[in-house]
Amino acid sequence: MKTIRIEGMSCQHCVMAVTKALSGVAGVRNVKVDLARGEATYEEERPVDIELLREAVRKAGYKAG
């Protein structure tokens, strides 16, 4: 499992939006977003460029660290 920090989440809707955004990146699966910790964990089916993940989160309206 890999972890990415997510900034700007404040509710369950945010969690669902980030989950959907990250799950939409090719090669990413098993996304779990933790609102309290401000992070998401995921598995890679193959190596995924972190910038693709950051961009997906940015397009959903949040910031990934």
N, C-alpha and C. Protein backbone atom coordinates (compact mmCIF):
# COMPACT_ATOMS: atom_id res chain seq x y z
N MET A 1 0.84 -1.18 0.00
CA MET A 1 0.00 0.00 0.00
C MET A 1 0.89 1.25 0.00
N LYS A 2 0.46 2.21 -0.78
CA LYS A 2 1.14 3.50 -0.80
C LYS A 2 0.21 4.53 -0.22
N THR A 3 0.77 5.64 0.22
CA THR A 3 -0.01 6.70 0.86
C THR A 3 0.28 8.04 0.21
N ILE A 4 -0.78 8.85 0.09
CA ILE A 4 -0.63 10.20 -0.42
C ILE A 4 -1.43 11.13 0.48
N ARG A 5 -0.85 12.27 0.84
CA ARG A 5 -1.53 13.26 1.68
C ARG A 5 -2.54 14.03 0.84
N ILE A 6 -3.70 14.31 1.43
CA ILE A 6 -4.75 15.06 0.76
C ILE A 6 -5.13 16.24 1.65
N GLU A 7 -5.13 17.44 1.08
CA GLU A 7 -5.52 18.64 1.82
C GLU A 7 -6.84 19.18 1.28
N GLY A 8 -7.64 19.72 2.18
CA GLY A 8 -8.87 20.39 1.78
C GLY A 8 -10.13 19.58 1.98
N MET A 9 -10.03 18.37 2.47
CA MET A 9 -11.23 17.55 2.71
C MET A 9 -11.87 17.95 4.04
N SER A 10 -13.22 18.00 4.05
CA SER A 10 -13.89 18.37 5.29
C SER A 10 -15.13 17.52 5.59
N CYS A 11 -15.51 16.62 4.66
CA CYS A 11 -16.72 15.84 4.87
C CYS A 11 -16.68 14.53 4.08
N GLN A 12 -17.73 13.74 4.25
CA GLN A 12 -17.79 12.45 3.56
C GLN A 12 -17.89 12.63 2.05
N HIS A 13 -18.51 13.71 1.60
CA HIS A 13 -18.58 13.98 0.16
C HIS A 13 -17.16 14.14 -0.40
N CYS A 14 -16.30 14.83 0.34
CA CYS A 14 -14.91 15.01 -0.06
C CYS A 14 -14.22 13.65 -0.20
N VAL A 15 -14.45 12.79 0.76
CA VAL A 15 -13.86 11.45 0.75
C VAL A 15 -14.28 10.71 -0.52
N MET A 16 -15.57 10.78 -0.86
CA MET A 16 -16.07 10.09 -2.05
C MET A 16 -15.47 10.69 -3.33
N ALA A 17 -15.33 12.02 -3.36
CA ALA A 17 -14.77 12.68 -4.54
C ALA A 17 -13.32 12.28 -4.76
N VAL A 18 -12.53 12.25 -3.70
CA VAL A 18 -11.12 11.88 -3.80
C VAL A 18 -10.98 10.41 -4.15
N THR A 19 -11.82 9.57 -3.55
CA THR A 19 -11.79 8.14 -3.86
C THR A 19 -12.06 7.91 -5.34
N LYS A 20 -13.07 8.58 -5.86
CA LYS A 20 -13.42 8.44 -7.28
C LYS A 20 -12.29 8.95 -8.17
N ALA A 21 -11.71 10.09 -7.81
CA ALA A 21 -10.63 10.67 -8.61
C ALA A 21 -9.42 9.74 -8.68
N LEU A 22 -9.00 9.22 -7.53
CA LEU A 22 -7.83 8.34 -7.51
C LEU A 22 -8.12 6.99 -8.17
N SER A 23 -9.33 6.49 -7.98
CA SER A 23 -9.70 5.21 -8.59
C SER A 23 -9.75 5.29 -10.11
N GLY A 24 -9.92 6.50 -10.62
CA GLY A 24 -9.97 6.70 -12.06
C GLY A 24 -8.62 6.73 -12.75
N VAL A 25 -7.54 6.73 -11.97
CA VAL A 25 -6.19 6.72 -12.54
C VAL A 25 -5.83 5.29 -12.92
N ALA A 26 -5.42 5.10 -14.16
CA ALA A 26 -5.05 3.77 -14.64
C ALA A 26 -3.93 3.18 -13.78
N GLY A 27 -4.13 1.94 -13.35
CA GLY A 27 -3.11 1.25 -12.55
C GLY A 27 -3.31 1.36 -11.06
N VAL A 28 -4.30 2.17 -10.63
CA VAL A 28 -4.56 2.36 -9.19
C VAL A 28 -5.80 1.56 -8.80
N ARG A 29 -5.71 0.88 -7.65
CA ARG A 29 -6.86 0.11 -7.16
C ARG A 29 -6.88 0.13 -5.64
N ASN A 30 -7.98 -0.32 -5.09
CA ASN A 30 -8.13 -0.46 -3.64
C ASN A 30 -7.85 0.86 -2.90
N VAL A 31 -8.48 1.94 -3.36
CA VAL A 31 -8.28 3.26 -2.75
C VAL A 31 -9.11 3.35 -1.47
N LYS A 32 -8.47 3.83 -0.40
CA LYS A 32 -9.14 4.08 0.87
C LYS A 32 -8.72 5.47 1.34
N VAL A 33 -9.70 6.34 1.54
CA VAL A 33 -9.44 7.72 1.95
C VAL A 33 -9.83 7.88 3.41
N ASP A 34 -8.92 8.44 4.20
CA ASP A 34 -9.15 8.66 5.63
C ASP A 34 -9.27 10.16 5.89
N LEU A 35 -10.48 10.62 6.14
CA LEU A 35 -10.74 12.04 6.36
C LEU A 35 -9.97 12.57 7.57
N ALA A 36 -10.01 11.85 8.67
CA ALA A 36 -9.37 12.30 9.91
C ALA A 36 -7.86 12.45 9.75
N ARG A 37 -7.25 11.56 9.01
CA ARG A 37 -5.80 11.61 8.82
C ARG A 37 -5.39 12.49 7.65
N GLY A 38 -6.35 12.80 6.77
CA GLY A 38 -6.05 13.63 5.61
C GLY A 38 -5.14 12.92 4.63
N GLU A 39 -5.43 11.64 4.39
CA GLU A 39 -4.59 10.88 3.48
C GLU A 39 -5.39 9.79 2.78
N ALA A 40 -4.82 9.30 1.71
CA ALA A 40 -5.41 8.19 0.98
C ALA A 40 -4.35 7.11 0.82
N THR A 41 -4.78 5.86 0.93
CA THR A 41 -3.90 4.74 0.65
C THR A 41 -4.43 4.04 -0.59
N TYR A 42 -3.52 3.41 -1.32
CA TYR A 42 -3.90 2.74 -2.57
C TYR A 42 -2.87 1.70 -2.93
N GLU A 43 -3.25 0.83 -3.85
CA GLU A 43 -2.33 -0.16 -4.39
C GLU A 43 -2.10 0.15 -5.86
N GLU A 44 -0.94 -0.20 -6.35
CA GLU A 44 -0.62 -0.03 -7.77
C GLU A 44 -0.59 -1.39 -8.45
N GLU A 45 -1.29 -1.48 -9.58
CA GLU A 45 -1.21 -2.69 -10.39
C GLU A 45 0.08 -2.70 -11.19
N ARG A 46 0.56 -1.49 -11.44
CA ARG A 46 1.83 -1.25 -12.12
C ARG A 46 2.32 0.10 -11.63
N PRO A 47 3.58 0.45 -11.86
CA PRO A 47 4.06 1.75 -11.38
C PRO A 47 3.23 2.91 -11.95
N VAL A 48 2.84 3.82 -11.07
CA VAL A 48 2.03 4.98 -11.45
C VAL A 48 2.79 6.24 -11.06
N ASP A 49 2.89 7.18 -12.00
CA ASP A 49 3.55 8.46 -11.74
C ASP A 49 2.75 9.24 -10.71
N ILE A 50 3.40 9.67 -9.64
CA ILE A 50 2.74 10.41 -8.56
C ILE A 50 2.07 11.67 -9.09
N GLU A 51 2.62 12.26 -10.14
CA GLU A 51 2.02 13.47 -10.70
C GLU A 51 0.63 13.20 -11.29
N LEU A 52 0.41 12.00 -11.79
CA LEU A 52 -0.93 11.65 -12.28
C LEU A 52 -1.94 11.63 -11.14
N LEU A 53 -1.50 11.15 -10.00
CA LEU A 53 -2.36 11.12 -8.82
C LEU A 53 -2.63 12.53 -8.32
N ARG A 54 -1.59 13.34 -8.25
CA ARG A 54 -1.76 14.73 -7.80
C ARG A 54 -2.71 15.49 -8.71
N GLU A 55 -2.57 15.29 -10.01
CA GLU A 55 -3.43 15.97 -10.98
C GLU A 55 -4.89 15.53 -10.82
N ALA A 56 -5.11 14.25 -10.62
CA ALA A 56 -6.48 13.75 -10.43
C ALA A 56 -7.11 14.37 -9.18
N VAL A 57 -6.36 14.47 -8.11
CA VAL A 57 -6.85 15.06 -6.88
C VAL A 57 -7.10 16.55 -7.09
N ARG A 58 -6.19 17.23 -7.78
CA ARG A 58 -6.34 18.65 -8.07
C ARG A 58 -7.61 18.92 -8.88
N LYS A 59 -7.87 18.08 -9.87
CA LYS A 59 -9.07 18.24 -10.70
C LYS A 59 -10.34 18.02 -9.90
N ALA A 60 -10.26 17.23 -8.84
CA ALA A 60 -11.41 16.99 -7.96
C ALA A 60 -11.62 18.14 -6.97
N GLY A 61 -10.66 19.08 -6.94
CA GLY A 61 -10.82 20.25 -6.08
C GLY A 61 -10.04 20.22 -4.78
N TYR A 62 -9.06 19.33 -4.69
CA TYR A 62 -8.27 19.20 -3.47
C TYR A 62 -6.79 19.27 -3.81
N LYS A 63 -5.95 19.25 -2.79
CA LYS A 63 -4.51 19.31 -2.99
C LYS A 63 -3.86 18.06 -2.45
N ALA A 64 -3.00 17.47 -3.27
CA ALA A 64 -2.28 16.25 -2.85
C ALA A 64 -0.83 16.59 -2.59
N GLY A 65 -0.30 16.05 -1.51
CA GLY A 65 1.09 16.32 -1.15
C GLY A 65 2.00 15.19 -1.52
